[in-house]
Amino acid sequence: LSKILALLFALTIHTLTLVLLYLGVMILIRYWPT
């Protein structure tokens, strides 16, 4: 159970990385060049 929960936690962290990347690109596109 601990290993499965750790894997799910890790996938959540990596998903957050993708979300940060997406937000950074979208903010630059939408609010450029403010």
Full PDB file with SEQRES, HELIX, SHEET, SSBOND, CRYST1, ORIGX, SCALE, CONECT and MASTER records, all heavy atoms in Angstrom:
SEQRES   1 A   34  LEU SER LYS ILE LEU ALA LEU LEU PHE ALA LEU THR ILE          
SEQRES   2 A   34  HIS THR LEU THR LEU VAL LEU LEU TYR LEU GLY VAL MET          
SEQRES   3 A   34  ILE LEU ILE ARG TYR TRP PRO THR                              
HELIX    1 AA1 SER A    2  TYR A   31  1                                  30    
CRYST1    1.000    1.000    1.000  90.00  90.00  90.00 P 1           1          
ORIGX1      1.000000  0.000000  0.000000        0.00000                         
ORIGX2      0.000000  1.000000  0.000000        0.00000                         
ORIGX3      0.000000  0.000000  1.000000        0.00000                         
SCALE1      1.000000  0.000000  0.000000        0.00000                         
SCALE2      0.000000  1.000000  0.000000        0.00000                         
SCALE3      0.000000  0.000000  1.000000        0.00000                         
ATOM      1  N   LEU A   1       0.825  -1.209   0.000  1.00  0.00           N  
ATOM      2  CA  LEU A   1       0.000   0.000   0.000  1.00  0.00           C  
ATOM      3  C   LEU A   1       0.857   1.257   0.000  1.00  0.00           C  
ATOM      4  O   LEU A   1       0.560   2.220  -0.733  1.00  0.00           O  
ATOM      5  CB  LEU A   1      -0.926  -0.007   1.220  1.00  0.00           C  
ATOM      6  CG  LEU A   1      -1.870   1.209   1.357  1.00  0.00           C  
ATOM      7  CD1 LEU A   1      -2.770   1.327   0.129  1.00  0.00           C  
ATOM      8  CD2 LEU A   1      -2.694   1.094   2.636  1.00  0.00           C  
ATOM      9  N   SER A   2       1.928   1.280   0.789  1.00  0.00           N  
ATOM     10  CA  SER A   2       2.781   2.462   0.862  1.00  0.00           C  
ATOM     11  C   SER A   2       3.417   2.759  -0.491  1.00  0.00           C  
ATOM     12  O   SER A   2       3.492   3.921  -0.917  1.00  0.00           O  
ATOM     13  CB  SER A   2       3.873   2.276   1.924  1.00  0.00           C  
ATOM     14  OG  SER A   2       3.312   2.221   3.211  1.00  0.00           O  
ATOM     15  N   LYS A   3       3.875   1.715  -1.169  1.00  0.00           N  
ATOM     16  CA  LYS A   3       4.513   1.917  -2.471  1.00  0.00           C  
ATOM     17  C   LYS A   3       3.508   2.413  -3.502  1.00  0.00           C  
ATOM     18  O   LYS A   3       3.826   3.276  -4.335  1.00  0.00           O  
ATOM     19  CB  LYS A   3       5.166   0.606  -2.934  1.00  0.00           C  
ATOM     20  CG  LYS A   3       5.950   0.739  -4.216  1.00  0.00           C  
ATOM     21  CD  LYS A   3       6.716  -0.533  -4.544  1.00  0.00           C  
ATOM     22  CE  LYS A   3       7.859  -0.763  -3.570  1.00  0.00           C  
ATOM     23  NZ  LYS A   3       8.717  -1.896  -3.978  1.00  0.00           N  
ATOM     24  N   ILE A   4       2.277   1.895  -3.463  1.00  0.00           N  
ATOM     25  CA  ILE A   4       1.242   2.355  -4.401  1.00  0.00           C  
ATOM     26  C   ILE A   4       0.885   3.813  -4.132  1.00  0.00           C  
ATOM     27  O   ILE A   4       0.776   4.624  -5.061  1.00  0.00           O  
ATOM     28  CB  ILE A   4      -0.005   1.455  -4.294  1.00  0.00           C  
ATOM     29  CG1 ILE A   4       0.327   0.036  -4.768  1.00  0.00           C  
ATOM     30  CG2 ILE A   4      -1.160   2.035  -5.088  1.00  0.00           C  
ATOM     31  CD1 ILE A   4      -0.790  -0.965  -4.543  1.00  0.00           C  
ATOM     32  N   LEU A   5       0.721   4.171  -2.842  1.00  0.00           N  
ATOM     33  CA  LEU A   5       0.405   5.563  -2.495  1.00  0.00           C  
ATOM     34  C   LEU A   5       1.544   6.493  -2.890  1.00  0.00           C  
ATOM     35  O   LEU A   5       1.306   7.608  -3.371  1.00  0.00           O  
ATOM     36  CB  LEU A   5       0.117   5.672  -0.995  1.00  0.00           C  
ATOM     37  CG  LEU A   5      -1.178   5.019  -0.511  1.00  0.00           C  
ATOM     38  CD1 LEU A   5      -1.284   5.119   1.008  1.00  0.00           C  
ATOM     39  CD2 LEU A   5      -2.398   5.668  -1.169  1.00  0.00           C  
ATOM     40  N   ALA A   6       2.791   6.046  -2.691  1.00  0.00           N  
ATOM     41  CA  ALA A   6       3.941   6.868  -3.078  1.00  0.00           C  
ATOM     42  C   ALA A   6       3.967   7.082  -4.584  1.00  0.00           C  
ATOM     43  O   ALA A   6       4.281   8.184  -5.066  1.00  0.00           O  
ATOM     44  CB  ALA A   6       5.237   6.208  -2.608  1.00  0.00           C  
ATOM     45  N   LEU A   7       3.630   6.037  -5.353  1.00  0.00           N  
ATOM     46  CA  LEU A   7       3.594   6.165  -6.806  1.00  0.00           C  
ATOM     47  C   LEU A   7       2.510   7.152  -7.235  1.00  0.00           C  
ATOM     48  O   LEU A   7       2.735   8.004  -8.112  1.00  0.00           O  
ATOM     49  CB  LEU A   7       3.356   4.800  -7.439  1.00  0.00           C  
ATOM     50  CG  LEU A   7       3.252   4.770  -8.967  1.00  0.00           C  
ATOM     51  CD1 LEU A   7       4.527   5.291  -9.603  1.00  0.00           C  
ATOM     52  CD2 LEU A   7       2.947   3.362  -9.455  1.00  0.00           C  
ATOM     53  N   LEU A   8       1.327   7.057  -6.616  1.00  0.00           N  
ATOM     54  CA  LEU A   8       0.251   7.991  -6.944  1.00  0.00           C  
ATOM     55  C   LEU A   8       0.645   9.424  -6.576  1.00  0.00           C  
ATOM     56  O   LEU A   8       0.358  10.379  -7.320  1.00  0.00           O  
ATOM     57  CB  LEU A   8      -1.022   7.584  -6.210  1.00  0.00           C  
ATOM     58  CG  LEU A   8      -1.664   6.260  -6.653  1.00  0.00           C  
ATOM     59  CD1 LEU A   8      -2.864   5.938  -5.772  1.00  0.00           C  
ATOM     60  CD2 LEU A   8      -2.084   6.332  -8.120  1.00  0.00           C  
ATOM     61  N   PHE A   9       1.285   9.586  -5.416  1.00  0.00           N  
ATOM     62  CA  PHE A   9       1.758  10.901  -4.994  1.00  0.00           C  
ATOM     63  C   PHE A   9       2.758  11.443  -6.009  1.00  0.00           C  
ATOM     64  O   PHE A   9       2.726  12.621  -6.388  1.00  0.00           O  
ATOM     65  CB  PHE A   9       2.401  10.783  -3.606  1.00  0.00           C  
ATOM     66  CG  PHE A   9       2.595  12.094  -2.907  1.00  0.00           C  
ATOM     67  CD1 PHE A   9       3.164  12.124  -1.646  1.00  0.00           C  
ATOM     68  CD2 PHE A   9       2.234  13.302  -3.481  1.00  0.00           C  
ATOM     69  CE1 PHE A   9       3.364  13.317  -0.969  1.00  0.00           C  
ATOM     70  CE2 PHE A   9       2.417  14.498  -2.826  1.00  0.00           C  
ATOM     71  CZ  PHE A   9       2.983  14.503  -1.578  1.00  0.00           C  
ATOM     72  N   ALA A  10       3.685  10.574  -6.463  1.00  0.00           N  
ATOM     73  CA  ALA A  10       4.691  10.992  -7.431  1.00  0.00           C  
ATOM     74  C   ALA A  10       4.052  11.414  -8.753  1.00  0.00           C  
ATOM     75  O   ALA A  10       4.442  12.426  -9.353  1.00  0.00           O  
ATOM     76  CB  ALA A  10       5.683   9.851  -7.663  1.00  0.00           C  
ATOM     77  N   LEU A  11       3.063  10.656  -9.206  1.00  0.00           N  
ATOM     78  CA  LEU A  11       2.383  11.021 -10.451  1.00  0.00           C  
ATOM     79  C   LEU A  11       1.657  12.356 -10.307  1.00  0.00           C  
ATOM     80  O   LEU A  11       1.590  13.145 -11.258  1.00  0.00           O  
ATOM     81  CB  LEU A  11       1.400   9.918 -10.843  1.00  0.00           C  
ATOM     82  CG  LEU A  11       2.043   8.583 -11.259  1.00  0.00           C  
ATOM     83  CD1 LEU A  11       0.974   7.531 -11.501  1.00  0.00           C  
ATOM     84  CD2 LEU A  11       2.897   8.773 -12.509  1.00  0.00           C  
ATOM     85  N   THR A  12       1.132  12.627  -9.095  1.00  0.00           N  
ATOM     86  CA  THR A  12       0.493  13.919  -8.839  1.00  0.00           C  
ATOM     87  C   THR A  12       1.509  15.047  -8.951  1.00  0.00           C  
ATOM     88  O   THR A  12       1.226  16.108  -9.535  1.00  0.00           O  
ATOM     89  CB  THR A  12      -0.145  13.929  -7.434  1.00  0.00           C  
ATOM     90  OG1 THR A  12      -1.098  12.882  -7.337  1.00  0.00           O  
ATOM     91  CG2 THR A  12      -0.822  15.268  -7.165  1.00  0.00           C  
ATOM     92  N   ILE A  13       2.709  14.835  -8.405  1.00  0.00           N  
ATOM     93  CA  ILE A  13       3.764  15.845  -8.484  1.00  0.00           C  
ATOM     94  C   ILE A  13       4.154  16.101  -9.932  1.00  0.00           C  
ATOM     95  O   ILE A  13       4.291  17.259 -10.367  1.00  0.00           O  
ATOM     96  CB  ILE A  13       4.995  15.400  -7.672  1.00  0.00           C  
ATOM     97  CG1 ILE A  13       4.643  15.233  -6.196  1.00  0.00           C  
ATOM     98  CG2 ILE A  13       6.142  16.394  -7.839  1.00  0.00           C  
ATOM     99  CD1 ILE A  13       4.134  16.487  -5.540  1.00  0.00           C  
ATOM    100  N   HIS A  14       4.315  15.044 -10.714  1.00  0.00           N  
ATOM    101  CA  HIS A  14       4.691  15.219 -12.113  1.00  0.00           C  
ATOM    102  C   HIS A  14       3.564  15.881 -12.907  1.00  0.00           C  
ATOM    103  O   HIS A  14       3.817  16.658 -13.835  1.00  0.00           O  
ATOM    104  CB  HIS A  14       5.060  13.871 -12.726  1.00  0.00           C  
ATOM    105  CG  HIS A  14       6.329  13.287 -12.166  1.00  0.00           C  
ATOM    106  ND1 HIS A  14       7.491  14.013 -12.057  1.00  0.00           N  
ATOM    107  CD2 HIS A  14       6.604  12.056 -11.670  1.00  0.00           C  
ATOM    108  CE1 HIS A  14       8.440  13.254 -11.535  1.00  0.00           C  
ATOM    109  NE2 HIS A  14       7.927  12.058 -11.283  1.00  0.00           N  
ATOM    110  N   THR A  15       2.310  15.573 -12.540  1.00  0.00           N  
ATOM    111  CA  THR A  15       1.180  16.247 -13.188  1.00  0.00           C  
ATOM    112  C   THR A  15       1.203  17.736 -12.874  1.00  0.00           C  
ATOM    113  O   THR A  15       0.935  18.573 -13.759  1.00  0.00           O  
ATOM    114  CB  THR A  15      -0.151  15.630 -12.715  1.00  0.00           C  
ATOM    115  OG1 THR A  15      -0.167  14.234 -13.038  1.00  0.00           O  
ATOM    116  CG2 THR A  15      -1.331  16.327 -13.378  1.00  0.00           C  
ATOM    117  N   LEU A  16       1.531  18.075 -11.632  1.00  0.00           N  
ATOM    118  CA  LEU A  16       1.641  19.485 -11.255  1.00  0.00           C  
ATOM    119  C   LEU A  16       2.712  20.188 -12.078  1.00  0.00           C  
ATOM    120  O   LEU A  16       2.554  21.365 -12.440  1.00  0.00           O  
ATOM    121  CB  LEU A  16       1.958  19.596  -9.763  1.00  0.00           C  
ATOM    122  CG  LEU A  16       2.107  21.010  -9.191  1.00  0.00           C  
ATOM    123  CD1 LEU A  16       0.826  21.827  -9.407  1.00  0.00           C  
ATOM    124  CD2 LEU A  16       2.448  20.952  -7.703  1.00  0.00           C  
ATOM    125  N   THR A  17       3.792  19.492 -12.386  1.00  0.00           N  
ATOM    126  CA  THR A  17       4.839  20.069 -13.237  1.00  0.00           C  
ATOM    127  C   THR A  17       4.285  20.432 -14.610  1.00  0.00           C  
ATOM    128  O   THR A  17       4.560  21.516 -15.151  1.00  0.00           O  
ATOM    129  CB  THR A  17       6.001  19.072 -13.381  1.00  0.00           C  
ATOM    130  OG1 THR A  17       6.549  18.791 -12.098  1.00  0.00           O  
ATOM    131  CG2 THR A  17       7.090  19.644 -14.277  1.00  0.00           C  
ATOM    132  N   LEU A  18       3.487  19.525 -15.181  1.00  0.00           N  
ATOM    133  CA  LEU A  18       2.871  19.800 -16.479  1.00  0.00           C  
ATOM    134  C   LEU A  18       1.897  20.976 -16.389  1.00  0.00           C  
ATOM    135  O   LEU A  18       1.816  21.805 -17.306  1.00  0.00           O  
ATOM    136  CB  LEU A  18       2.156  18.554 -16.992  1.00  0.00           C  
ATOM    137  CG  LEU A  18       3.048  17.348 -17.301  1.00  0.00           C  
ATOM    138  CD1 LEU A  18       2.194  16.156 -17.725  1.00  0.00           C  
ATOM    139  CD2 LEU A  18       4.044  17.697 -18.397  1.00  0.00           C  
ATOM    140  N   VAL A  19       1.161  21.066 -15.272  1.00  0.00           N  
ATOM    141  CA  VAL A  19       0.226  22.183 -15.085  1.00  0.00           C  
ATOM    142  C   VAL A  19       0.991  23.498 -15.011  1.00  0.00           C  
ATOM    143  O   VAL A  19       0.577  24.514 -15.614  1.00  0.00           O  
ATOM    144  CB  VAL A  19      -0.612  21.968 -13.801  1.00  0.00           C  
ATOM    145  CG1 VAL A  19      -1.420  23.219 -13.464  1.00  0.00           C  
ATOM    146  CG2 VAL A  19      -1.542  20.771 -13.976  1.00  0.00           C  
ATOM    147  N   LEU A  20       2.115  23.522 -14.288  1.00  0.00           N  
ATOM    148  CA  LEU A  20       2.926  24.741 -14.193  1.00  0.00           C  
ATOM    149  C   LEU A  20       3.449  25.152 -15.563  1.00  0.00           C  
ATOM    150  O   LEU A  20       3.459  26.338 -15.909  1.00  0.00           O  
ATOM    151  CB  LEU A  20       4.096  24.512 -13.231  1.00  0.00           C  
ATOM    152  CG  LEU A  20       3.754  24.375 -11.745  1.00  0.00           C  
ATOM    153  CD1 LEU A  20       4.989  23.961 -10.956  1.00  0.00           C  
ATOM    154  CD2 LEU A  20       3.203  25.693 -11.200  1.00  0.00           C  
ATOM    155  N   LEU A  21       3.873  24.171 -16.339  1.00  0.00           N  
ATOM    156  CA  LEU A  21       4.352  24.454 -17.689  1.00  0.00           C  
ATOM    157  C   LEU A  21       3.241  25.041 -18.546  1.00  0.00           C  
ATOM    158  O   LEU A  21       3.436  26.037 -19.264  1.00  0.00           O  
ATOM    159  CB  LEU A  21       4.902  23.178 -18.318  1.00  0.00           C  
ATOM    160  CG  LEU A  21       5.385  23.269 -19.768  1.00  0.00           C  
ATOM    161  CD1 LEU A  21       6.555  24.241 -19.879  1.00  0.00           C  
ATOM    162  CD2 LEU A  21       5.788  21.891 -20.284  1.00  0.00           C  
ATOM    163  N   TYR A  22       2.060  24.432 -18.467  1.00  0.00           N  
ATOM    164  CA  TYR A  22       0.911  24.915 -19.239  1.00  0.00           C  
ATOM    165  C   TYR A  22       0.525  26.336 -18.820  1.00  0.00           C  
ATOM    166  O   TYR A  22       0.304  27.206 -19.681  1.00  0.00           O  
ATOM    167  CB  TYR A  22      -0.270  23.963 -19.031  1.00  0.00           C  
ATOM    168  CG  TYR A  22      -1.563  24.444 -19.642  1.00  0.00           C  
ATOM    169  CD1 TYR A  22      -1.798  24.313 -21.010  1.00  0.00           C  
ATOM    170  CD2 TYR A  22      -2.551  25.028 -18.852  1.00  0.00           C  
ATOM    171  CE1 TYR A  22      -2.983  24.760 -21.576  1.00  0.00           C  
ATOM    172  CE2 TYR A  22      -3.744  25.476 -19.414  1.00  0.00           C  
ATOM    173  CZ  TYR A  22      -3.953  25.342 -20.769  1.00  0.00           C  
ATOM    174  OH  TYR A  22      -5.129  25.789 -21.318  1.00  0.00           O  
ATOM    175  N   LEU A  23       0.457  26.594 -17.514  1.00  0.00           N  
ATOM    176  CA  LEU A  23       0.084  27.926 -17.045  1.00  0.00           C  
ATOM    177  C   LEU A  23       1.098  28.964 -17.485  1.00  0.00           C  
ATOM    178  O   LEU A  23       0.730  30.084 -17.881  1.00  0.00           O  
ATOM    179  CB  LEU A  23      -0.040  27.930 -15.518  1.00  0.00           C  
ATOM    180  CG  LEU A  23      -1.240  27.192 -14.925  1.00  0.00           C  
ATOM    181  CD1 LEU A  23      -1.165  27.188 -13.404  1.00  0.00           C  
ATOM    182  CD2 LEU A  23      -2.554  27.852 -15.388  1.00  0.00           C  
ATOM    183  N   GLY A  24       2.396  28.627 -17.400  1.00  0.00           N  
ATOM    184  CA  GLY A  24       3.426  29.576 -17.815  1.00  0.00           C  
ATOM    185  C   GLY A  24       3.299  29.962 -19.270  1.00  0.00           C  
ATOM    186  O   GLY A  24       3.362  31.149 -19.626  1.00  0.00           O  
ATOM    187  N   VAL A  25       3.088  28.962 -20.132  1.00  0.00           N  
ATOM    188  CA  VAL A  25       2.955  29.237 -21.565  1.00  0.00           C  
ATOM    189  C   VAL A  25       1.689  30.049 -21.847  1.00  0.00           C  
ATOM    190  O   VAL A  25       1.707  31.031 -22.604  1.00  0.00           O  
ATOM    191  CB  VAL A  25       2.943  27.916 -22.353  1.00  0.00           C  
ATOM    192  CG1 VAL A  25       2.603  28.177 -23.828  1.00  0.00           C  
ATOM    193  CG2 VAL A  25       4.289  27.216 -22.238  1.00  0.00           C  
ATOM    194  N   MET A  26       0.556  29.672 -21.234  1.00  0.00           N  
ATOM    195  CA  MET A  26      -0.709  30.360 -21.478  1.00  0.00           C  
ATOM    196  C   MET A  26      -0.678  31.808 -20.978  1.00  0.00           C  
ATOM    197  O   MET A  26      -1.211  32.711 -21.633  1.00  0.00           O  
ATOM    198  CB  MET A  26      -1.862  29.591 -20.816  1.00  0.00           C  
ATOM    199  CG  MET A  26      -2.126  28.235 -21.424  1.00  0.00           C  
ATOM    200  SD  MET A  26      -2.417  28.302 -23.222  1.00  0.00           S  
ATOM    201  CE  MET A  26      -3.909  29.303 -23.281  1.00  0.00           C  
ATOM    202  N   ILE A  27      -0.062  32.047 -19.820  1.00  0.00           N  
ATOM    203  CA  ILE A  27       0.026  33.424 -19.298  1.00  0.00           C  
ATOM    204  C   ILE A  27       0.875  34.288 -20.226  1.00  0.00           C  
ATOM    205  O   ILE A  27       0.521  35.443 -20.522  1.00  0.00           O  
ATOM    206  CB  ILE A  27       0.592  33.418 -17.870  1.00  0.00           C  
ATOM    207  CG1 ILE A  27      -0.435  32.817 -16.902  1.00  0.00           C  
ATOM    208  CG2 ILE A  27       0.969  34.834 -17.420  1.00  0.00           C  
ATOM    209  CD1 ILE A  27       0.097  32.643 -15.488  1.00  0.00           C  
ATOM    210  N   LEU A  28       1.998  33.735 -20.704  1.00  0.00           N  
ATOM    211  CA  LEU A  28       2.849  34.502 -21.616  1.00  0.00           C  
ATOM    212  C   LEU A  28       2.112  34.825 -22.915  1.00  0.00           C  
ATOM    213  O   LEU A  28       2.210  35.941 -23.452  1.00  0.00           O  
ATOM    214  CB  LEU A  28       4.121  33.712 -21.920  1.00  0.00           C  
ATOM    215  CG  LEU A  28       5.183  33.681 -20.814  1.00  0.00           C  
ATOM    216  CD1 LEU A  28       6.342  32.781 -21.225  1.00  0.00           C  
ATOM    217  CD2 LEU A  28       5.697  35.094 -20.536  1.00  0.00           C  
ATOM    218  N   ILE A  29       1.349  33.865 -23.440  1.00  0.00           N  
ATOM    219  CA  ILE A  29       0.624  34.092 -24.695  1.00  0.00           C  
ATOM    220  C   ILE A  29      -0.503  35.102 -24.506  1.00  0.00           C  
ATOM    221  O   ILE A  29      -0.672  36.028 -25.312  1.00  0.00           O  
ATOM    222  CB  ILE A  29       0.068  32.751 -25.225  1.00  0.00           C  
ATOM    223  CG1 ILE A  29       1.216  31.828 -25.646  1.00  0.00           C  
ATOM    224  CG2 ILE A  29      -0.881  32.997 -26.396  1.00  0.00           C  
ATOM    225  CD1 ILE A  29       0.769  30.447 -26.074  1.00  0.00           C  
ATOM    226  N   ARG A  30      -1.252  34.948 -23.415  1.00  0.00           N  
ATOM    227  CA  ARG A  30      -2.443  35.779 -23.232  1.00  0.00           C  
ATOM    228  C   ARG A  30      -2.113  37.206 -22.808  1.00  0.00           C  
ATOM    229  O   ARG A  30      -2.772  38.160 -23.231  1.00  0.00           O  
ATOM    230  CB  ARG A  30      -3.363  35.130 -22.204  1.00  0.00           C  
ATOM    231  CG  ARG A  30      -4.673  35.899 -22.007  1.00  0.00           C  
ATOM    232  CD  ARG A  30      -5.663  35.097 -21.223  1.00  0.00           C  
ATOM    233  NE  ARG A  30      -6.936  35.789 -21.078  1.00  0.00           N  
ATOM    234  CZ  ARG A  30      -7.998  35.291 -20.471  1.00  0.00           C  
ATOM    235  NH1 ARG A  30      -7.926  34.059 -19.946  1.00  0.00           N  
ATOM    236  NH2 ARG A  30      -9.129  35.974 -20.391  1.00  0.00           N  
ATOM    237  N   TYR A  31      -1.096  37.369 -21.940  1.00  0.00           N  
ATOM    238  CA  TYR A  31      -0.832  38.693 -21.371  1.00  0.00           C  
ATOM    239  C   TYR A  31       0.446  39.334 -21.917  1.00  0.00           C  
ATOM    240  O   TYR A  31       0.932  40.307 -21.366  1.00  0.00           O  
ATOM    241  CB  TYR A  31      -0.743  38.593 -19.836  1.00  0.00           C  
ATOM    242  CG  TYR A  31      -2.045  38.189 -19.216  1.00  0.00           C  
ATOM    243  CD1 TYR A  31      -2.261  36.868 -18.800  1.00  0.00           C  
ATOM    244  CD2 TYR A  31      -3.083  39.110 -19.048  1.00  0.00           C  
ATOM    245  CE1 TYR A  31      -3.458  36.482 -18.236  1.00  0.00           C  
ATOM    246  CE2 TYR A  31      -4.289  38.723 -18.476  1.00  0.00           C  
ATOM    247  CZ  TYR A  31      -4.472  37.410 -18.072  1.00  0.00           C  
ATOM    248  OH  TYR A  31      -5.674  37.037 -17.502  1.00  0.00           O  
ATOM    249  N   TRP A  32       1.000  38.782 -22.968  1.00  0.00           N  
ATOM    250  CA  TRP A  32       2.177  39.390 -23.596  1.00  0.00           C  
ATOM    251  C   TRP A  32       1.792  40.705 -24.252  1.00  0.00           C  
ATOM    252  O   TRP A  32       0.730  40.806 -24.876  1.00  0.00           O  
ATOM    253  CB  TRP A  32       2.739  38.416 -24.642  1.00  0.00           C  
ATOM    254  CG  TRP A  32       4.006  38.904 -25.274  1.00  0.00           C  
ATOM    255  CD1 TRP A  32       4.128  39.696 -26.382  1.00  0.00           C  
ATOM    256  CD2 TRP A  32       5.326  38.646 -24.822  1.00  0.00           C  
ATOM    257  NE1 TRP A  32       5.429  39.937 -26.661  1.00  0.00           N  
ATOM    258  CE2 TRP A  32       6.203  39.299 -25.710  1.00  0.00           C  
ATOM    259  CE3 TRP A  32       5.859  37.933 -23.761  1.00  0.00           C  
ATOM    260  CZ2 TRP A  32       7.589  39.269 -25.577  1.00  0.00           C  
ATOM    261  CZ3 TRP A  32       7.225  37.886 -23.621  1.00  0.00           C  
ATOM    262  CH2 TRP A  32       8.081  38.548 -24.513  1.00  0.00           C  
ATOM    263  N   PRO A  33       2.576  41.791 -24.128  1.00  0.00           N  
ATOM    264  CA  PRO A  33       3.868  41.867 -23.444  1.00  0.00           C  
ATOM    265  C   PRO A  33       3.785  42.646 -22.130  1.00  0.00           C  
ATOM    266  O   PRO A  33       4.676  43.441 -21.832  1.00  0.00           O  
ATOM    267  CB  PRO A  33       4.720  42.612 -24.464  1.00  0.00           C  
ATOM    268  CG  PRO A  33       3.750  43.607 -25.066  1.00  0.00           C  
ATOM    269  CD  PRO A  33       2.382  42.986 -24.995  1.00  0.00           C  
ATOM    270  N   THR A  34       2.720  42.482 -21.359  1.00  0.00           N  
ATOM    271  CA  THR A  34       2.596  43.225 -20.107  1.00  0.00           C  
ATOM    272  C   THR A  34       3.662  42.741 -19.095  1.00  0.00           C  
ATOM    273  O   THR A  34       4.124  41.602 -19.142  1.00  0.00           O  
ATOM    274  CB  THR A  34       1.206  43.022 -19.482  1.00  0.00           C  
ATOM    275  OG1 THR A  34       1.040  41.639 -19.145  1.00  0.00           O  
ATOM    276  CG2 THR A  34       0.110  43.448 -20.464  1.00  0.00           C  
TER     277      THR A  34                                                      
MASTER        0    0    0    1    0    0    0    6  276    1    0    3          
END                                                                             
